[in-house]
Amino acid sequence: MKNHKTTRRMYAAWNFDREIADLNSESEKGWQLSEGRSFSSKFIRDNSIVYRYAIDYNTDIPDQIRYREMFAEQGWQYINSTFNGWHYFRKVYDPALPQDEYTIYTDSASYKEMQKRWIRIASILGSIMALLAALNLFHVIYAPSIAQFALLGALLAMAVTLLAGAQIIKKANQNGAPRKRSGGSFLFILLVLFAVSVTFASFKQYVSTHTQYEAQQLGLPWVIEVDVKLPDFYRFEAEVSATSPAYVSIGDYYGKTYYEFSGTEIDEDVSLFLMPGKYVITTHFGSSAEDAVGTFVYTLS
């Protein structure tokens, strides 16, 4: 039988009481918290005791020793703190004692002050995320890519989570209703979207070339090979200035053409969805333009 385990759960800041309920439930099953963290918790098996847990949020503690002594005087045992200001405590459970004995914020003024602080933080951060999402939307429209779609989704998920959380706390303050379980799923979606965004951005193919083409010297089509690693939307930009009409196409090795154009003065900017594989950008002049010359600038990004 294992004596240690790690659970991976995510809780919205305003649902810290849900985390407390889960910690209490684990304690009743014989699993006692040894370290609380932002996205996971470590437990050690001990069936001989049952605890009740409490979590305090405080990022400004001038005297850490006095802070912990204050809780110790009330019977709370300090466990650990996270980097972002959450502090975990526990107290041996005695069913004969009133429930108030296992609540840190026994006075409503302190509890409401903490809630007001979270309303303010969630509202400000949520508004910032919504603004960033709106700005990112223009980038998605102008240069769509899976990385940008994922980033937009992550920003929207963060904005909705934070702004909805602020409303949940406000309603709880107004009518005393229990807070709904909310935010964990959005946080999970957020992390997935950020991971997708970073992955696709890091593997995005980028090819840029600036070449002087002389048909008389080469005699054959000019071919640029491109190796696409991940499926995504790619911008294909082409600038051509030639003495005779040039024919340009982008396609795969199987002969499929995704886009083509021709002319002596060309300025193209198109968005193409490409699957992983090898692609070629082919340029050539007509057979009658044996001594044609041209300047070509191609970018695939």
Protein backbone atom coordinates (compact mmCIF):
# COMPACT_ATOMS: atom_id res chain seq x y z
CA MET A 1 0.00 0.00 0.00
CA LYS A 2 1.43 3.35 -1.00
CA ASN A 3 1.92 5.97 1.69
CA HIS A 4 2.27 9.03 -0.56
CA LYS A 5 0.20 10.43 -3.39
CA THR A 6 -0.18 13.57 -5.49
CA THR A 7 -3.47 14.94 -6.76
CA ARG A 8 -3.68 17.38 -9.66
CA ARG A 9 -6.62 19.71 -9.32
CA MET A 10 -7.16 23.32 -10.24
CA TYR A 11 -9.30 25.74 -8.27
CA ALA A 12 -10.36 29.26 -9.06
CA ALA A 13 -9.25 31.75 -6.41
CA TRP A 14 -12.84 32.48 -5.35
CA ASN A 15 -13.51 28.76 -4.89
CA PHE A 16 -10.87 28.21 -2.23
CA ASP A 17 -13.61 26.82 0.01
CA ARG A 18 -14.11 24.02 -2.53
CA GLU A 19 -10.42 23.18 -2.16
CA ILE A 20 -10.83 23.16 1.61
CA ALA A 21 -13.79 20.76 1.30
CA ASP A 22 -11.70 18.43 -0.88
CA LEU A 23 -8.79 18.53 1.58
CA ASN A 24 -11.15 17.70 4.44
CA SER A 25 -12.58 14.81 2.43
CA GLU A 26 -9.09 13.44 1.74
CA SER A 27 -8.27 13.67 5.47
CA GLU A 28 -11.34 11.62 6.36
CA LYS A 29 -10.08 8.96 3.92
CA GLY A 30 -6.71 8.86 5.70
CA TRP A 31 -4.78 11.17 3.35
CA GLN A 32 -3.24 14.16 5.14
CA LEU A 33 -1.91 17.16 3.23
CA SER A 34 1.88 17.51 3.32
CA GLU A 35 2.23 20.28 0.72
CA GLY A 36 -0.38 22.41 -0.99
CA ARG A 37 0.52 23.87 -4.39
CA SER A 38 -1.16 25.92 -7.11
CA PHE A 39 -1.95 23.03 -9.46
CA SER A 40 -1.35 19.94 -7.33
CA SER A 41 -1.24 18.74 -3.73
CA LYS A 42 0.93 16.16 -1.96
CA PHE A 43 -0.50 13.83 0.67
CA ILE A 44 0.83 11.31 3.16
CA ARG A 45 -1.22 8.42 4.52
CA ASP A 46 -2.18 8.62 8.21
CA ASN A 47 -5.40 6.94 9.31
CA SER A 48 -4.89 7.77 12.99
CA ILE A 49 -6.12 11.34 12.78
CA VAL A 50 -8.59 13.62 10.96
CA TYR A 51 -7.91 17.28 10.27
CA ARG A 52 -9.91 20.25 9.19
CA TYR A 53 -8.08 22.55 6.77
CA ALA A 54 -8.07 26.29 6.18
CA ILE A 55 -6.45 28.46 3.51
CA ASP A 56 -5.50 32.09 3.95
CA TYR A 57 -4.60 34.45 1.12
CA ASN A 58 -2.08 37.14 1.98
CA THR A 59 0.73 38.50 -0.20
CA ASP A 60 1.88 41.16 2.25
CA ILE A 61 3.16 39.63 5.50
CA PRO A 62 5.81 41.82 7.15
CA ASP A 63 6.51 39.34 9.96
CA GLN A 64 6.20 35.68 8.93
CA ILE A 65 7.00 34.36 12.41
CA ARG A 66 4.32 36.45 14.11
CA TYR A 67 1.85 35.60 11.32
CA ARG A 68 2.21 31.87 11.96
CA GLU A 69 2.22 32.31 15.75
CA MET A 70 -1.11 34.13 15.50
CA PHE A 71 -2.68 31.07 13.89
CA ALA A 72 -0.88 28.69 16.24
CA GLU A 73 -2.46 30.49 19.20
CA GLN A 74 -5.85 29.55 17.74
CA GLY A 75 -4.82 25.90 17.32
CA TRP A 76 -3.88 26.03 13.64
CA GLN A 77 -0.85 24.10 12.45
CA TYR A 78 1.03 25.73 9.56
CA ILE A 79 1.70 23.45 6.56
CA ASN A 80 3.23 25.55 3.78
CA SER A 81 2.75 28.57 1.50
CA THR A 82 2.66 28.91 -2.28
CA PHE A 83 4.58 31.43 -4.38
CA ASN A 84 1.39 33.39 -5.11
CA GLY A 85 0.31 34.03 -1.53
CA TRP A 86 -1.84 31.09 -0.40
CA HIS A 87 -1.09 29.72 3.08
CA TYR A 88 -2.26 26.28 4.23
CA PHE A 89 -3.21 25.45 7.82
CA ARG A 90 -4.88 22.53 9.61
CA LYS A 91 -6.41 21.74 12.98
CA VAL A 92 -7.20 18.38 14.57
CA TYR A 93 -10.88 17.66 14.09
CA ASP A 94 -13.14 17.21 17.11
CA PRO A 95 -16.80 16.64 16.14
CA ALA A 96 -17.87 17.95 19.54
CA LEU A 97 -16.63 21.46 18.73
CA PRO A 98 -18.74 23.98 16.78
CA GLN A 99 -18.02 24.48 13.08
CA ASP A 100 -16.78 28.02 13.72
CA GLU A 101 -13.69 26.50 15.33
CA TYR A 102 -12.54 25.37 11.88
CA THR A 103 -12.99 28.65 10.05
CA ILE A 104 -10.17 31.19 9.86
CA TYR A 105 -12.38 34.18 9.14
CA THR A 106 -14.56 34.05 12.22
CA ASP A 107 -15.37 37.73 11.98
CA SER A 108 -17.41 38.68 8.92
CA ALA A 109 -15.55 41.98 8.41
CA SER A 110 -12.25 40.18 7.74
CA TYR A 111 -13.94 37.69 5.44
CA LYS A 112 -15.70 40.40 3.42
CA GLU A 113 -12.46 42.34 3.13
CA MET A 114 -10.77 39.33 1.57
CA GLN A 115 -13.67 38.92 -0.84
CA LYS A 116 -13.55 42.59 -1.85
CA ARG A 117 -9.84 42.21 -2.55
CA TRP A 118 -10.53 39.29 -4.89
CA ILE A 119 -13.37 41.13 -6.64
CA ARG A 120 -10.99 44.01 -7.35
CA ILE A 121 -8.15 41.76 -8.57
CA ALA A 122 -10.43 39.56 -10.71
CA SER A 123 -12.19 42.56 -12.28
CA ILE A 124 -8.95 44.33 -13.22
CA LEU A 125 -7.22 41.23 -14.60
CA GLY A 126 -10.38 40.10 -16.40
CA SER A 127 -10.72 43.48 -18.11
CA ILE A 128 -7.07 43.40 -19.17
CA MET A 129 -7.48 39.90 -20.63
CA ALA A 130 -10.62 40.98 -22.50
CA LEU A 131 -8.75 43.96 -23.99
CA LEU A 132 -5.82 41.74 -25.04
CA ALA A 133 -8.28 39.30 -26.63
CA ALA A 134 -9.88 42.13 -28.62
CA LEU A 135 -6.46 43.30 -29.84
CA ASN A 136 -5.45 39.73 -30.70
CA LEU A 137 -8.65 39.33 -32.74
CA PHE A 138 -7.32 41.84 -35.28
CA HIS A 139 -4.14 39.78 -35.62
CA VAL A 140 -6.20 36.60 -36.12
CA ILE A 141 -8.20 38.28 -38.89
CA TYR A 142 -5.12 39.69 -40.62
CA ALA A 143 -2.80 36.67 -40.21
CA PRO A 144 -4.75 33.59 -39.04
CA SER A 145 -2.83 30.72 -37.48
CA ILE A 146 -3.58 27.93 -35.04
CA ALA A 147 -1.21 29.53 -32.53
CA GLN A 148 -3.15 32.81 -32.70
CA PHE A 149 -6.52 31.02 -32.46
CA ALA A 150 -5.27 29.16 -29.37
CA LEU A 151 -3.94 32.35 -27.80
CA LEU A 152 -7.25 34.12 -28.49
CA GLY A 153 -9.13 31.24 -26.87
CA ALA A 154 -6.82 31.33 -23.85
CA LEU A 155 -7.29 35.08 -23.37
CA LEU A 156 -11.08 34.77 -23.69
CA ALA A 157 -11.16 31.85 -21.24
CA MET A 158 -9.12 33.86 -18.74
CA ALA A 159 -11.33 36.94 -19.17
CA VAL A 160 -14.56 34.96 -18.75
CA THR A 161 -13.20 33.05 -15.75
CA LEU A 162 -12.02 36.16 -13.90
CA LEU A 163 -15.04 38.35 -14.66
CA ALA A 164 -17.48 35.54 -13.86
CA GLY A 165 -15.61 34.88 -10.62
CA ALA A 166 -15.95 38.50 -9.57
CA GLN A 167 -19.72 38.29 -10.15
CA ILE A 168 -19.95 35.05 -8.17
CA ILE A 169 -18.31 36.71 -5.15
CA LYS A 170 -20.52 39.78 -5.46
CA LYS A 171 -23.70 37.68 -5.47
CA ALA A 172 -22.46 35.66 -2.51
CA ASN A 173 -21.89 38.91 -0.61
CA GLN A 174 -25.34 40.24 -1.48
CA ASN A 175 -27.54 37.27 -0.61
CA GLY A 176 -25.27 34.91 1.30
CA ALA A 177 -25.81 32.16 -1.26
CA PRO A 178 -23.11 29.51 -1.53
CA ARG A 179 -20.69 29.97 -4.40
CA LYS A 180 -21.08 27.63 -7.31
CA ARG A 181 -18.23 25.41 -8.31
CA SER A 182 -16.72 27.39 -11.16
CA GLY A 183 -13.40 28.18 -12.78
CA GLY A 184 -11.49 24.90 -12.62
CA SER A 185 -12.61 23.75 -16.06
CA PHE A 186 -11.81 27.14 -17.58
CA LEU A 187 -8.36 27.06 -16.00
CA PHE A 188 -7.71 23.64 -17.51
CA ILE A 189 -8.87 24.87 -20.93
CA LEU A 190 -6.64 27.91 -20.53
CA LEU A 191 -3.53 25.82 -19.89
CA VAL A 192 -4.29 23.55 -22.85
CA LEU A 193 -4.79 26.52 -25.18
CA PHE A 194 -1.56 28.16 -24.04
CA ALA A 195 0.30 24.86 -24.58
CA VAL A 196 -1.14 24.57 -28.10
CA SER A 197 -0.25 28.18 -28.85
CA VAL A 198 3.37 27.78 -27.73
CA THR A 199 3.75 24.45 -29.56
CA PHE A 200 2.50 25.71 -32.90
CA ALA A 201 4.37 29.00 -32.63
CA SER A 202 7.67 27.19 -31.95
CA PHE A 203 7.29 24.84 -34.95
CA LYS A 204 5.92 27.40 -37.40
CA GLN A 205 7.82 27.26 -40.68
CA TYR A 206 9.41 30.46 -41.96
CA VAL A 207 11.04 30.79 -45.39
CA SER A 208 12.17 34.03 -46.99
CA THR A 209 14.15 34.47 -50.20
CA HIS A 210 15.25 37.36 -52.40
CA THR A 211 16.61 36.18 -55.73
CA GLN A 212 17.62 37.58 -59.09
CA TYR A 213 16.33 35.14 -61.74
CA GLU A 214 17.81 34.91 -65.24
CA ALA A 215 15.95 32.55 -67.58
CA GLN A 216 18.73 32.42 -70.20
CA GLN A 217 21.26 31.13 -67.66
CA LEU A 218 19.07 28.66 -65.78
CA GLY A 219 16.87 27.31 -68.54
CA LEU A 220 14.78 25.37 -65.99
CA PRO A 221 12.11 26.34 -63.47
CA TRP A 222 13.43 27.79 -60.24
CA VAL A 223 12.25 25.63 -57.31
CA ILE A 224 12.25 26.44 -53.59
CA GLU A 225 11.61 23.50 -51.24
CA VAL A 226 9.67 24.03 -48.02
CA ASP A 227 9.30 21.48 -45.21
CA VAL A 228 6.11 22.13 -43.18
CA LYS A 229 6.23 20.49 -39.75
CA LEU A 230 2.78 21.22 -38.32
CA PRO A 231 -0.65 21.86 -39.87
CA ASP A 232 -1.43 25.55 -39.79
CA PHE A 233 -2.43 28.64 -41.74
CA TYR A 234 0.55 30.12 -43.57
CA ARG A 235 0.92 33.51 -45.22
CA PHE A 236 2.45 33.32 -48.67
CA GLU A 237 3.76 36.69 -49.86
CA ALA A 238 5.27 37.19 -53.30
CA GLU A 239 6.73 40.24 -55.03
CA VAL A 240 7.76 39.86 -58.66
CA SER A 241 9.21 42.32 -61.13
CA ALA A 242 10.15 40.71 -64.49
CA THR A 243 10.74 41.66 -68.11
CA SER A 244 8.34 38.93 -69.31
CA PRO A 245 5.34 37.28 -67.63
CA ALA A 246 6.48 34.93 -64.86
CA TYR A 247 4.44 31.94 -63.69
CA VAL A 248 4.56 31.18 -59.96
CA SER A 249 2.86 28.37 -58.04
CA ILE A 250 3.04 26.70 -54.65
CA GLY A 251 2.15 23.02 -54.41
CA ASP A 252 3.18 19.65 -53.02
CA TYR A 253 5.38 16.91 -54.40
CA TYR A 254 2.34 14.99 -55.61
CA GLY A 255 1.52 17.66 -58.18
CA LYS A 256 -1.31 19.39 -56.31
CA THR A 257 -1.26 23.16 -56.74
CA TYR A 258 -2.52 25.26 -53.83
CA TYR A 259 -2.10 28.69 -55.40
CA GLU A 260 -0.72 30.11 -58.64
CA PHE A 261 -0.44 33.47 -60.36
CA SER A 262 1.41 35.14 -63.23
CA GLY A 263 2.44 38.53 -64.53
CA THR A 264 5.33 40.92 -64.91
CA GLU A 265 4.50 42.98 -61.79
CA ILE A 266 3.06 40.89 -58.96
CA ASP A 267 2.30 41.71 -55.34
CA GLU A 268 0.45 38.76 -53.73
CA ASP A 269 -0.41 38.07 -50.09
CA VAL A 270 -2.59 34.99 -49.46
CA SER A 271 -3.37 32.69 -46.54
CA LEU A 272 -3.06 28.94 -47.13
CA PHE A 273 -3.82 26.02 -44.83
CA LEU A 274 -1.02 23.48 -45.22
CA MET A 275 -0.71 20.01 -43.72
CA PRO A 276 2.70 18.61 -42.67
CA GLY A 277 4.84 17.63 -45.64
CA LYS A 278 7.17 18.93 -48.33
CA TYR A 279 6.08 21.76 -50.62
CA VAL A 280 7.65 23.55 -53.56
CA ILE A 281 7.43 27.11 -54.82
CA THR A 282 8.00 26.95 -58.58
CA THR A 283 8.86 29.88 -60.85
CA HIS A 284 9.35 29.87 -64.63
CA PHE A 285 8.95 32.01 -67.74
CA GLY A 286 7.15 31.11 -70.93
CA SER A 287 9.13 29.38 -73.67
CA SER A 288 9.23 32.58 -75.75
CA ALA A 289 11.04 34.55 -73.04
CA GLU A 290 14.45 32.94 -73.33
CA ASP A 291 16.40 35.94 -72.07
CA ALA A 292 13.85 37.22 -69.52
CA VAL A 293 15.09 38.40 -66.15
CA GLY A 294 13.28 39.20 -62.94
CA THR A 295 13.56 39.96 -59.26
CA PHE A 296 11.58 37.69 -56.94
CA VAL A 297 10.89 37.98 -53.22
CA TYR A 298 8.98 35.10 -51.59
CA THR A 299 8.01 34.72 -47.92
CA LEU A 300 6.14 31.83 -46.32
CA SER A 301 5.43 32.36 -42.64
